Protein backbone atom coordinates (compact mmCIF):
# COMPACT_ATOMS: atom_id res chain seq x y z
CA THR A 1 87.39 124.10 95.63
CA GLY A 2 84.42 122.12 94.40
CA GLY A 3 83.14 122.51 90.89
CA GLU A 4 80.04 124.34 89.80
CA VAL A 5 76.84 122.37 90.28
CA ASP A 6 74.97 121.73 87.05
CA LYS A 7 71.27 120.81 86.98
CA THR A 8 69.80 119.39 83.79
CA VAL A 9 66.06 118.81 83.40
CA TYR A 10 65.19 116.34 80.66
CA ASP A 11 62.07 116.34 78.48
CA ASP A 12 60.54 113.48 80.48
CA GLY A 13 60.81 115.50 83.70
CA THR A 14 63.75 113.58 85.14
CA VAL A 15 66.71 115.56 86.46
CA ARG A 16 70.49 115.16 86.60
CA ILE A 17 72.52 117.08 89.17
CA SER A 18 76.26 116.98 88.57
CA ALA A 19 79.53 118.66 89.45
CA GLN A 20 83.17 118.16 88.60
CA SER A 21 86.38 119.35 90.16
CA ASP A 22 89.75 118.60 88.60
CA LEU A 23 91.72 120.32 91.34
CA GLY A 24 90.08 119.75 94.68
CA SER A 25 87.12 117.84 95.88
CA CYS A 26 83.43 118.33 95.18
CA LYS A 27 81.01 118.54 98.04
CA LEU A 28 78.04 116.23 97.61
CA PRO A 29 74.68 118.00 97.24
CA LYS A 30 72.36 118.29 100.26
CA ILE A 31 69.80 116.00 98.60
CA LEU A 32 72.18 113.09 99.33
CA ASP A 33 72.45 113.82 103.06
CA THR A 34 69.63 111.41 103.89
CA LEU A 35 71.49 108.53 102.19
CA ASN A 36 74.56 109.07 104.38
CA ILE A 37 76.79 107.54 101.69
CA PRO A 38 80.07 106.34 103.21
CA ILE A 39 83.04 108.20 101.72
CA HIS A 40 86.47 106.97 102.84
CA ASP A 41 88.63 109.69 104.46
CA GLU A 42 91.34 109.24 101.83
CA LEU A 43 89.01 109.89 98.89
CA LYS A 44 88.59 113.18 97.05
CA ILE A 45 85.34 113.45 95.11
CA ARG A 46 86.31 114.37 91.53
CA ASN A 47 82.80 114.35 90.09
CA TYR A 48 79.32 113.05 90.68
CA ASN A 49 75.97 112.58 88.97
CA VAL A 50 72.66 112.33 90.82
CA TYR A 51 69.65 111.21 88.81
CA LEU A 52 66.16 112.11 90.04
CA ASP A 53 62.76 110.94 88.85
CA LYS A 54 59.87 113.32 88.06
CA GLU A 55 58.98 113.57 91.76
CA GLU A 56 62.61 114.46 92.54
CA ASN A 57 63.24 111.13 94.27
CA ILE A 58 66.77 109.80 93.87
CA ASN A 59 67.00 107.04 91.24
CA SER A 60 70.76 106.61 91.12
CA VAL A 61 74.01 108.20 92.17
CA GLU A 62 77.48 107.98 90.62
CA ILE A 63 80.44 109.30 92.60
CA TYR A 64 83.99 109.19 91.23
CA CYS A 65 86.86 109.78 93.63
CA SER A 66 90.62 110.04 93.33
CA THR A 67 93.00 108.75 95.97
CA ASP A 68 96.69 108.49 96.76
CA LYS A 69 95.98 105.41 98.89
CA ASP A 70 96.18 101.81 97.78
CA GLY A 71 92.88 101.10 96.04
CA ASN A 72 92.73 97.60 97.53
CA GLU A 73 92.82 99.06 101.06
CA ILE A 74 89.91 101.31 100.21
CA ILE A 75 87.92 98.42 98.71
CA GLU A 76 88.59 96.38 101.86
CA TRP A 77 87.23 99.27 103.96
CA TYR A 78 84.05 99.31 101.85
CA LYS A 79 83.70 95.52 102.10
CA LYS A 80 83.71 95.82 105.89
CA LYS A 81 81.30 98.77 105.80
CA LEU A 82 78.92 96.82 103.55
CA ASN A 83 79.33 93.49 105.35
CA SER A 84 80.45 91.91 102.09
CA THR A 85 83.01 89.16 101.60
CA ASN A 86 83.61 89.01 97.84
CA ASP A 87 83.03 92.41 96.30
CA ALA A 88 82.41 95.87 97.69
CA LYS A 89 78.71 95.51 96.89
CA GLY A 90 75.65 95.51 99.03
CA ILE A 91 72.53 97.37 100.08
CA TRP A 92 72.79 100.86 101.55
CA ASN A 93 69.62 102.72 102.63
CA ASN A 94 67.46 100.79 100.13
CA PHE A 95 69.94 101.32 97.29
CA GLU A 96 72.18 98.75 95.66
CA ILE A 97 75.74 100.03 96.13
CA ASP A 98 78.74 98.94 94.11
CA VAL A 99 82.22 100.28 94.87
CA SER A 100 85.13 99.57 92.53
CA PHE A 101 88.67 100.75 91.95
CA ASN A 102 90.26 101.31 88.54
CA GLN A 103 94.02 100.97 88.91
CA PHE A 104 94.72 102.66 85.55
CA SER A 105 92.85 105.88 86.29
CA ASN A 106 93.34 105.57 90.08
CA LEU A 107 89.63 106.35 90.50
CA VAL A 108 87.24 104.79 92.97
CA SER A 109 83.68 104.68 91.71
CA ILE A 110 80.72 104.49 94.07
CA VAL A 111 77.46 103.72 92.29
CA LEU A 112 74.07 103.50 93.99
CA LYS A 113 70.89 102.39 92.24
CA LYS A 114 67.36 102.32 93.59
CA GLN A 115 66.30 98.74 94.33
């Protein structure tokens, strides 16, 4: 099952929404539905952080996923999805997206930042 969702409001009015699941897979919060972030079928979301500004607009998103698949296959899938030739980087719904695979931790990280 997904981890408990944690919402932290900072002194400057910005917000962090996060969850972590060591066993299963977290479900992304509804606020991200509009971004329609591509998540490969073979990925399990281990944890995420969503950072919001004072108006509760999304500033950035960090999603960390585990996989049993070959990380290079997953990166290739993202390259195609993002129309990228070199890296799994691009623009997704007005956010810069950067997808990478860490072979030591076997984690895929998907990071989006407001342009």
